């Protein structure tokens, strides 16, 4: 739920909780959420217990496994670079 909310542009716990409540039918395609979605307080407690570095390593490895791209590759949007003024400074 948090991943989908953040990818949708949500940034704070209360908005993540509201997103979950609004998108419950969609989220149930992936998890049952039998008791509904967690409150913003509960989300804060859950995320506070995560090891940020460990989560980042796992997330990057997961994305790399889905895309087939090495985890140390940095994707650059070619359209942005092509239209950028002073692209040399941008890329150096």
PDB file of N, CA and C in Angstrom:
ATOM      1  N   UNK A   1       0.818  -1.178   0.000  1.00  0.00           N
ATOM      2  CA  UNK A   1       0.000   0.000   0.000  1.00  0.00           C
ATOM      3  C   UNK A   1       0.864   1.244   0.000  1.00  0.00           C
ATOM      4  N   UNK A   2       1.895   1.264   0.851  1.00  0.00           N
ATOM      5  CA  UNK A   2       2.768   2.435   0.937  1.00  0.00           C
ATOM      6  C   UNK A   2       3.506   2.666  -0.377  1.00  0.00           C
ATOM      7  N   UNK A   3       4.000   1.598  -0.980  1.00  0.00           N
ATOM      8  CA  UNK A   3       4.727   1.728  -2.246  1.00  0.00           C
ATOM      9  C   UNK A   3       3.835   2.327  -3.323  1.00  0.00           C
ATOM     10  N   UNK A   4       2.642   1.809  -3.475  1.00  0.00           N
ATOM     11  CA  UNK A   4       1.721   2.313  -4.497  1.00  0.00           C
ATOM     12  C   UNK A   4       1.360   3.775  -4.202  1.00  0.00           C
ATOM     13  N   UNK A   5       1.132   4.097  -2.945  1.00  0.00           N
ATOM     14  CA  UNK A   5       0.785   5.472  -2.583  1.00  0.00           C
ATOM     15  C   UNK A   5       1.935   6.423  -2.902  1.00  0.00           C
ATOM     16  N   UNK A   6       3.150   6.040  -2.521  1.00  0.00           N
ATOM     17  CA  UNK A   6       4.305   6.905  -2.774  1.00  0.00           C
ATOM     18  C   UNK A   6       4.558   7.055  -4.275  1.00  0.00           C
ATOM     19  N   UNK A   7       4.409   5.978  -5.027  1.00  0.00           N
ATOM     20  CA  UNK A   7       4.557   6.073  -6.479  1.00  0.00           C
ATOM     21  C   UNK A   7       3.482   6.962  -7.103  1.00  0.00           C
ATOM     22  N   UNK A   8       2.379   7.135  -6.398  1.00  0.00           N
ATOM     23  CA  UNK A   8       1.295   8.003  -6.865  1.00  0.00           C
ATOM     24  C   UNK A   8       1.484   9.452  -6.432  1.00  0.00           C
ATOM     25  N   UNK A   9       2.569   9.726  -5.709  1.00  0.00           N
ATOM     26  CA  UNK A   9       2.873  11.097  -5.317  1.00  0.00           C
ATOM     27  C   UNK A   9       2.547  11.449  -3.885  1.00  0.00           C
ATOM     28  N   UNK A  10       2.102  10.492  -3.100  1.00  0.00           N
ATOM     29  CA  UNK A  10       1.757  10.733  -1.699  1.00  0.00           C
ATOM     30  C   UNK A  10       3.043  10.771  -0.875  1.00  0.00           C
ATOM     31  N   UNK A  11       3.093  11.666   0.117  1.00  0.00           N
ATOM     32  CA  UNK A  11       4.342  11.841   0.860  1.00  0.00           C
ATOM     33  C   UNK A  11       4.237  11.673   2.376  1.00  0.00           C
ATOM     34  N   UNK A  12       3.060  11.809   2.968  1.00  0.00           N
ATOM     35  CA  UNK A  12       2.963  11.758   4.433  1.00  0.00           C
ATOM     36  C   UNK A  12       1.998  10.652   4.862  1.00  0.00           C
ATOM     37  N   UNK A  13       2.178  10.198   6.109  1.00  0.00           N
ATOM     38  CA  UNK A  13       1.427   9.051   6.614  1.00  0.00           C
ATOM     39  C   UNK A  13      -0.085   9.232   6.527  1.00  0.00           C
ATOM     40  N   UNK A  14      -0.567  10.410   6.866  1.00  0.00           N
ATOM     41  CA  UNK A  14      -2.018  10.607   6.820  1.00  0.00           C
ATOM     42  C   UNK A  14      -2.542  10.471   5.394  1.00  0.00           C
ATOM     43  N   UNK A  15      -1.779  10.974   4.437  1.00  0.00           N
ATOM     44  CA  UNK A  15      -2.204  10.853   3.036  1.00  0.00           C
ATOM     45  C   UNK A  15      -2.081   9.419   2.533  1.00  0.00           C
ATOM     46  N   UNK A  16      -1.080   8.677   3.023  1.00  0.00           N
ATOM     47  CA  UNK A  16      -0.963   7.263   2.654  1.00  0.00           C
ATOM     48  C   UNK A  16      -2.173   6.497   3.177  1.00  0.00           C
ATOM     49  N   UNK A  17      -2.555   6.769   4.427  1.00  0.00           N
ATOM     50  CA  UNK A  17      -3.728   6.098   5.008  1.00  0.00           C
ATOM     51  C   UNK A  17      -4.993   6.452   4.235  1.00  0.00           C
ATOM     52  N   UNK A  18      -5.156   7.713   3.882  1.00  0.00           N
ATOM     53  CA  UNK A  18      -6.323   8.133   3.096  1.00  0.00           C
ATOM     54  C   UNK A  18      -6.310   7.484   1.712  1.00  0.00           C
ATOM     55  N   UNK A  19      -5.142   7.402   1.099  1.00  0.00           N
ATOM     56  CA  UNK A  19      -5.005   6.741  -0.190  1.00  0.00           C
ATOM     57  C   UNK A  19      -5.457   5.289  -0.080  1.00  0.00           C
ATOM     58  N   UNK A  20      -4.992   4.601   0.962  1.00  0.00           N
ATOM     59  CA  UNK A  20      -5.365   3.207   1.164  1.00  0.00           C
ATOM     60  C   UNK A  20      -6.862   3.021   1.316  1.00  0.00           C
ATOM     61  N   UNK A  21      -7.485   3.909   2.064  1.00  0.00           N
ATOM     62  CA  UNK A  21      -8.938   3.806   2.261  1.00  0.00           C
ATOM     63  C   UNK A  21      -9.686   4.035   0.947  1.00  0.00           C
ATOM     64  N   UNK A  22      -9.203   4.990   0.146  1.00  0.00           N
ATOM     65  CA  UNK A  22      -9.867   5.276  -1.139  1.00  0.00           C
ATOM     66  C   UNK A  22      -9.631   4.180  -2.174  1.00  0.00           C
ATOM     67  N   UNK A  23      -8.494   3.527  -2.101  1.00  0.00           N
ATOM     68  CA  UNK A  23      -8.121   2.531  -3.115  1.00  0.00           C
ATOM     69  C   UNK A  23      -8.214   1.097  -2.591  1.00  0.00           C
ATOM     70  N   UNK A  24      -9.026   0.877  -1.582  1.00  0.00           N
ATOM     71  CA  UNK A  24      -9.109  -0.432  -0.937  1.00  0.00           C
ATOM     72  C   UNK A  24      -9.462  -1.546  -1.921  1.00  0.00           C
ATOM     73  N   UNK A  25     -10.411  -1.327  -2.799  1.00  0.00           N
ATOM     74  CA  UNK A  25     -10.796  -2.366  -3.768  1.00  0.00           C
ATOM     75  C   UNK A  25      -9.608  -2.728  -4.656  1.00  0.00           C
ATOM     76  N   UNK A  26      -8.865  -1.735  -5.092  1.00  0.00           N
ATOM     77  CA  UNK A  26      -7.672  -1.991  -5.910  1.00  0.00           C
ATOM     78  C   UNK A  26      -6.622  -2.750  -5.107  1.00  0.00           C
ATOM     79  N   UNK A  27      -6.359  -2.312  -3.883  1.00  0.00           N
ATOM     80  CA  UNK A  27      -5.334  -2.935  -3.049  1.00  0.00           C
ATOM     81  C   UNK A  27      -5.669  -4.385  -2.720  1.00  0.00           C
ATOM     82  N   UNK A  28      -6.943  -4.696  -2.633  1.00  0.00           N
ATOM     83  CA  UNK A  28      -7.360  -6.069  -2.318  1.00  0.00           C
ATOM     84  C   UNK A  28      -7.054  -7.037  -3.454  1.00  0.00           C
ATOM     85  N   UNK A  29      -6.669  -6.545  -4.595  1.00  0.00           N
ATOM     86  CA  UNK A  29      -6.207  -7.424  -5.676  1.00  0.00           C
ATOM     87  C   UNK A  29      -4.865  -8.066  -5.298  1.00  0.00           C
ATOM     88  N   UNK A  30      -4.144  -7.450  -4.362  1.00  0.00           N
ATOM     89  CA  UNK A  30      -2.806  -7.901  -3.997  1.00  0.00           C
ATOM     90  C   UNK A  30      -2.733  -8.496  -2.592  1.00  0.00           C
ATOM     91  N   UNK A  31      -3.511  -7.966  -1.663  1.00  0.00           N
ATOM     92  CA  UNK A  31      -3.554  -8.429  -0.271  1.00  0.00           C
ATOM     93  C   UNK A  31      -5.002  -8.362   0.201  1.00  0.00           C
ATOM     94  N   UNK A  32      -5.400  -9.182   1.167  1.00  0.00           N
ATOM     95  CA  UNK A  32      -6.813  -9.193   1.572  1.00  0.00           C
ATOM     96  C   UNK A  32      -7.281  -7.948   2.328  1.00  0.00           C
ATOM     97  N   UNK A  33      -6.427  -7.323   3.122  1.00  0.00           N
ATOM     98  CA  UNK A  33      -6.829  -6.186   3.945  1.00  0.00           C
ATOM     99  C   UNK A  33      -8.169  -6.474   4.622  1.00  0.00           C
ATOM    100  N   UNK A  34      -8.263  -7.631   5.264  1.00  0.00           N
ATOM    101  CA  UNK A  34      -9.511  -8.084   5.885  1.00  0.00           C
ATOM    102  C   UNK A  34     -10.040  -7.075   6.911  1.00  0.00           C
ATOM    103  N   UNK A  35      -9.149  -6.436   7.637  1.00  0.00           N
ATOM    104  CA  UNK A  35      -9.566  -5.447   8.628  1.00  0.00           C
ATOM    105  C   UNK A  35      -9.502  -4.021   8.107  1.00  0.00           C
ATOM    106  N   UNK A  36      -9.419  -3.867   6.809  1.00  0.00           N
ATOM    107  CA  UNK A  36      -9.257  -2.537   6.221  1.00  0.00           C
ATOM    108  C   UNK A  36      -7.791  -2.153   6.178  1.00  0.00           C
ATOM    109  N   UNK A  37      -7.524  -0.942   5.786  1.00  0.00           N
ATOM    110  CA  UNK A  37      -6.138  -0.480   5.702  1.00  0.00           C
ATOM    111  C   UNK A  37      -5.697   0.092   7.043  1.00  0.00           C
ATOM    112  N   UNK A  38      -4.397   0.093   7.311  1.00  0.00           N
ATOM    113  CA  UNK A  38      -3.912   0.609   8.588  1.00  0.00           C
ATOM    114  C   UNK A  38      -4.091   2.126   8.707  1.00  0.00           C
ATOM    115  N   UNK A  39      -4.212   2.584   9.935  1.00  0.00           N
ATOM    116  CA  UNK A  39      -4.315   4.024  10.196  1.00  0.00           C
ATOM    117  C   UNK A  39      -2.953   4.678   9.990  1.00  0.00           C
ATOM    118  N   UNK A  40      -2.945   5.985   9.932  1.00  0.00           N
ATOM    119  CA  UNK A  40      -1.673   6.687   9.752  1.00  0.00           C
ATOM    120  C   UNK A  40      -0.744   6.462  10.949  1.00  0.00           C
ATOM    121  N   UNK A  41      -1.294   6.345  12.147  1.00  0.00           N
ATOM    122  CA  UNK A  41      -0.461   6.067  13.321  1.00  0.00           C
ATOM    123  C   UNK A  41       0.204   4.703  13.208  1.00  0.00           C
ATOM    124  N   UNK A  42      -0.574   3.719  12.785  1.00  0.00           N
ATOM    125  CA  UNK A  42      -0.032   2.370  12.630  1.00  0.00           C
ATOM    126  C   UNK A  42       1.024   2.340  11.531  1.00  0.00           C
ATOM    127  N   UNK A  43       0.783   3.036  10.430  1.00  0.00           N
ATOM    128  CA  UNK A  43       1.780   3.105   9.356  1.00  0.00           C
ATOM    129  C   UNK A  43       3.084   3.708   9.863  1.00  0.00           C
ATOM    130  N   UNK A  44       2.972   4.768  10.649  1.00  0.00           N
ATOM    131  CA  UNK A  44       4.163   5.389  11.214  1.00  0.00           C
ATOM    132  C   UNK A  44       4.935   4.431  12.096  1.00  0.00           C
ATOM    133  N   UNK A  45       4.215   3.664  12.910  1.00  0.00           N
ATOM    134  CA  UNK A  45       4.878   2.674  13.775  1.00  0.00           C
ATOM    135  C   UNK A  45       5.574   1.598  12.954  1.00  0.00           C
ATOM    136  N   UNK A  46       4.890   1.117  11.925  1.00  0.00           N
ATOM    137  CA  UNK A  46       5.467   0.063  11.079  1.00  0.00           C
ATOM    138  C   UNK A  46       6.722   0.564  10.377  1.00  0.00           C
ATOM    139  N   UNK A  47       6.621   1.713   9.747  1.00  0.00           N
ATOM    140  CA  UNK A  47       7.754   2.224   8.977  1.00  0.00           C
ATOM    141  C   UNK A  47       8.908   2.662   9.869  1.00  0.00           C
ATOM    142  N   UNK A  48       8.617   3.068  11.102  1.00  0.00           N
ATOM    143  CA  UNK A  48       9.679   3.458  12.033  1.00  0.00           C
ATOM    144  C   UNK A  48      10.551   2.268  12.428  1.00  0.00           C
ATOM    145  N   UNK A  49      10.011   1.063  12.343  1.00  0.00           N
ATOM    146  CA  UNK A  49      10.784  -0.119  12.727  1.00  0.00           C
ATOM    147  C   UNK A  49      11.677  -0.640  11.602  1.00  0.00           C
ATOM    148  N   UNK A  50      11.464  -0.138  10.381  1.00  0.00           N
ATOM    149  CA  UNK A  50      12.253  -0.632   9.250  1.00  0.00           C
ATOM    150  C   UNK A  50      13.689  -0.131   9.308  1.00  0.00           C
ATOM    151  N   UNK A  51      14.605  -0.976   8.913  1.00  0.00           N
ATOM    152  CA  UNK A  51      15.996  -0.577   8.725  1.00  0.00           C
ATOM    153  C   UNK A  51      16.065   0.046   7.324  1.00  0.00           C
ATOM    154  N   UNK A  52      16.255   1.362   7.249  1.00  0.00           N
ATOM    155  CA  UNK A  52      16.199   2.082   5.975  1.00  0.00           C
ATOM    156  C   UNK A  52      17.232   1.557   4.971  1.00  0.00           C
ATOM    157  N   UNK A  53      18.458   1.297   5.431  1.00  0.00           N
ATOM    158  CA  UNK A  53      19.490   0.797   4.516  1.00  0.00           C
ATOM    159  C   UNK A  53      19.150  -0.606   4.017  1.00  0.00           C
ATOM    160  N   UNK A  54      18.664  -1.449   4.915  1.00  0.00           N
ATOM    161  CA  UNK A  54      18.268  -2.796   4.523  1.00  0.00           C
ATOM    162  C   UNK A  54      17.095  -2.778   3.554  1.00  0.00           C
ATOM    163  N   UNK A  55      16.124  -1.911   3.821  1.00  0.00           N
ATOM    164  CA  UNK A  55      14.989  -1.788   2.915  1.00  0.00           C
ATOM    165  C   UNK A  55      15.449  -1.325   1.541  1.00  0.00           C
ATOM    166  N   UNK A  56      16.339  -0.352   1.505  1.00  0.00           N
ATOM    167  CA  UNK A  56      16.829   0.149   0.225  1.00  0.00           C
ATOM    168  C   UNK A  56      17.531  -0.946  -0.564  1.00  0.00           C
ATOM    169  N   UNK A  57      18.376  -1.722   0.098  1.00  0.00           N
ATOM    170  CA  UNK A  57      19.069  -2.824  -0.590  1.00  0.00           C
ATOM    171  C   UNK A  57      18.070  -3.830  -1.156  1.00  0.00           C
ATOM    172  N   UNK A  58      17.081  -4.203  -0.355  1.00  0.00           N
ATOM    173  CA  UNK A  58      16.067  -5.160  -0.815  1.00  0.00           C
ATOM    174  C   UNK A  58      15.232  -4.595  -1.953  1.00  0.00           C
ATOM    175  N   UNK A  59      14.841  -3.335  -1.839  1.00  0.00           N
ATOM    176  CA  UNK A  59      14.015  -2.710  -2.872  1.00  0.00           C
ATOM    177  C   UNK A  59      14.780  -2.621  -4.190  1.00  0.00           C
ATOM    178  N   UNK A  60      16.022  -2.182  -4.137  1.00  0.00           N
ATOM    179  CA  UNK A  60      16.832  -2.070  -5.356  1.00  0.00           C
ATOM    180  C   UNK A  60      17.034  -3.441  -5.980  1.00  0.00           C
ATOM    181  N   UNK A  61      17.305  -4.457  -5.174  1.00  0.00           N
ATOM    182  CA  UNK A  61      17.472  -5.814  -5.701  1.00  0.00           C
ATOM    183  C   UNK A  61      16.176  -6.323  -6.323  1.00  0.00           C
ATOM    184  N   UNK A  62      15.036  -6.020  -5.704  1.00  0.00           N
ATOM    185  CA  UNK A  62      13.744  -6.444  -6.243  1.00  0.00           C
ATOM    186  C   UNK A  62      13.481  -5.786  -7.594  1.00  0.00           C
ATOM    187  N   UNK A  63      13.696  -4.467  -7.675  1.00  0.00           N
ATOM    188  CA  UNK A  63      13.479  -3.755  -8.939  1.00  0.00           C
ATOM    189  C   UNK A  63      14.432  -4.287 -10.009  1.00  0.00           C
ATOM    190  N   UNK A  64      15.678  -4.530  -9.649  1.00  0.00           N
ATOM    191  CA  UNK A  64      16.645  -5.069 -10.607  1.00  0.00           C
ATOM    192  C   UNK A  64      16.201  -6.432 -11.111  1.00  0.00           C
ATOM    193  N   UNK A  65      15.618  -7.256 -10.239  1.00  0.00           N
ATOM    194  CA  UNK A  65      15.155  -8.579 -10.670  1.00  0.00           C
ATOM    195  C   UNK A  65      13.972  -8.475 -11.618  1.00  0.00           C
ATOM    196  N   UNK A  66      13.158  -7.450 -11.464  1.00  0.00           N
ATOM    197  CA  UNK A  66      12.001  -7.261 -12.340  1.00  0.00           C
ATOM    198  C   UNK A  66      12.392  -6.696 -13.695  1.00  0.00           C
ATOM    199  N   UNK A  67      13.381  -5.803 -13.701  1.00  0.00           N
ATOM    200  CA  UNK A  67      13.756  -5.114 -14.934  1.00  0.00           C
ATOM    201  C   UNK A  67      14.878  -5.802 -15.694  1.00  0.00           C
ATOM    202  N   UNK A  68      15.653  -6.633 -15.000  1.00  0.00           N
ATOM    203  CA  UNK A  68      16.796  -7.268 -15.641  1.00  0.00           C
ATOM    204  C   UNK A  68      17.988  -6.332 -15.781  1.00  0.00           C
ATOM    205  N   UNK A  69      17.931  -5.180 -15.121  1.00  0.00           N
ATOM    206  CA  UNK A  69      19.009  -4.196 -15.155  1.00  0.00           C
ATOM    207  C   UNK A  69      19.788  -4.306 -13.848  1.00  0.00           C
ATOM    208  N   UNK A  70      21.099  -4.213 -13.934  1.00  0.00           N
ATOM    209  CA  UNK A  70      21.937  -4.307 -12.736  1.00  0.00           C
ATOM    210  C   UNK A  70      21.542  -3.247 -11.715  1.00  0.00           C
ATOM    211  N   UNK A  71      21.653  -3.576 -10.452  1.00  0.00           N
ATOM    212  CA  UNK A  71      21.206  -2.662  -9.397  1.00  0.00           C
ATOM    213  C   UNK A  71      22.081  -1.423  -9.274  1.00  0.00           C
ATOM    214  N   UNK A  72      23.282  -1.431  -9.868  1.00  0.00           N
ATOM    215  CA  UNK A  72      24.138  -0.248  -9.784  1.00  0.00           C
ATOM    216  C   UNK A  72      23.985   0.685 -10.982  1.00  0.00           C
ATOM    217  N   UNK A  73      23.031   0.412 -11.868  1.00  0.00           N
ATOM    218  CA  UNK A  73      22.771   1.255 -13.028  1.00  0.00           C
ATOM    219  C   UNK A  73      21.848   2.398 -12.613  1.00  0.00           C
ATOM    220  N   UNK A  74      22.189   3.602 -13.060  1.00  0.00           N
ATOM    221  CA  UNK A  74      21.354   4.768 -12.805  1.00  0.00           C
ATOM    222  C   UNK A  74      20.672   5.130 -14.114  1.00  0.00           C
ATOM    223  N   UNK A  75      19.349   5.087 -14.120  1.00  0.00           N
ATOM    224  CA  UNK A  75      18.594   5.408 -15.326  1.00  0.00           C
ATOM    225  C   UNK A  75      18.477   6.918 -15.475  1.00  0.00           C
ATOM    226  N   UNK A  76      18.745   7.389 -16.674  1.00  0.00           N
ATOM    227  CA  UNK A  76      18.616   8.811 -16.977  1.00  0.00           C
ATOM    228  C   UNK A  76      17.574   8.948 -18.072  1.00  0.00           C
ATOM    229  N   UNK A  77      16.635   9.841 -17.868  1.00  0.00           N
ATOM    230  CA  UNK A  77      15.586  10.074 -18.848  1.00  0.00           C
ATOM    231  C   UNK A  77      16.190  10.791 -20.044  1.00  0.00           C
ATOM    232  N   UNK A  78      16.328  10.107 -21.160  1.00  0.00           N
ATOM    233  CA  UNK A  78      16.949  10.666 -22.356  1.00  0.00           C
ATOM    234  C   UNK A  78      16.229  11.879 -22.878  1.00  0.00           C
ATOM    235  N   UNK A  79      14.911  11.935 -22.748  1.00  0.00           N
ATOM    236  CA  UNK A  79      14.171  13.093 -23.236  1.00  0.00           C
ATOM    237  C   UNK A  79      14.572  14.339 -22.460  1.00  0.00           C
ATOM    238  N   UNK A  80      14.777  14.189 -21.155  1.00  0.00           N
ATOM    239  CA  UNK A  80      15.174  15.328 -20.343  1.00  0.00           C
ATOM    240  C   UNK A  80      16.571  15.793 -20.726  1.00  0.00           C
ATOM    241  N   UNK A  81      17.486  14.866 -20.890  1.00  0.00           N
ATOM    242  CA  UNK A  81      18.854  15.219 -21.240  1.00  0.00           C
ATOM    243  C   UNK A  81      18.891  15.859 -22.619  1.00  0.00           C
ATOM    244  N   UNK A  82      18.153  15.340 -23.561  1.00  0.00           N
ATOM    245  CA  UNK A  82      18.173  15.842 -24.935  1.00  0.00           C
ATOM    246  C   UNK A  82      17.714  17.290 -24.991  1.00  0.00           C
ATOM    247  N   UNK A  83      16.757  17.673 -24.204  1.00  0.00           N
ATOM    248  CA  UNK A  83      16.197  19.028 -24.252  1.00  0.00           C
ATOM    249  C   UNK A  83      16.845  19.977 -23.242  1.00  0.00           C
ATOM    250  N   UNK A  84      17.782  19.473 -22.469  1.00  0.00           N
ATOM    251  CA  UNK A  84      18.394  20.306 -21.439  1.00  0.00           C
ATOM    252  C   UNK A  84      19.417  21.248 -22.041  1.00  0.00           C
ATOM    253  N   UNK A  85      19.393  22.479 -21.574  1.00  0.00           N
ATOM    254  CA  UNK A  85      20.446  23.419 -21.948  1.00  0.00           C
ATOM    255  C   UNK A  85      21.620  23.139 -21.034  1.00  0.00           C
ATOM    256  N   UNK A  86      22.809  23.230 -21.575  1.00  0.00           N
ATOM    257  CA  UNK A  86      24.000  22.973 -20.771  1.00  0.00           C
ATOM    258  C   UNK A  86      24.071  21.520 -20.334  1.00  0.00           C
ATOM    259  N   UNK A  87      23.743  20.605 -21.240  1.00  0.00           N
ATOM    260  CA  UNK A  87      23.702  19.184 -20.892  1.00  0.00           C
ATOM    261  C   UNK A  87      25.039  18.678 -20.398  1.00  0.00           C
ATOM    262  N   UNK A  88      26.141  19.264 -20.863  1.00  0.00           N
ATOM    263  CA  UNK A  88      27.462  18.815 -20.402  1.00  0.00           C
ATOM    264  C   UNK A  88      27.576  18.993 -18.892  1.00  0.00           C
ATOM    265  N   UNK A  89      27.106  20.124 -18.402  1.00  0.00           N
ATOM    266  CA  UNK A  89      27.152  20.356 -16.955  1.00  0.00           C
ATOM    267  C   UNK A  89      26.238  19.391 -16.231  1.00  0.00           C
ATOM    268  N   UNK A  90      25.098  19.080 -16.849  1.00  0.00           N
ATOM    269  CA  UNK A  90      24.149  18.172 -16.241  1.00  0.00           C
ATOM    270  C   UNK A  90      24.718  16.762 -16.100  1.00  0.00           C
ATOM    271  N   UNK A  91      25.456  16.327 -17.105  1.00  0.00           N
ATOM    272  CA  UNK A  91      25.956  14.960 -17.124  1.00  0.00           C
ATOM    273  C   UNK A  91      27.333  14.791 -16.491  1.00  0.00           C
ATOM    274  N   UNK A  92      28.020  15.856 -16.221  1.00  0.00           N
ATOM    275  CA  UNK A  92      29.375  15.701 -15.686  1.00  0.00           C
ATOM    276  C   UNK A  92      29.398  15.510 -14.206  1.00  0.00           C
TER     277      UNK A  92
END
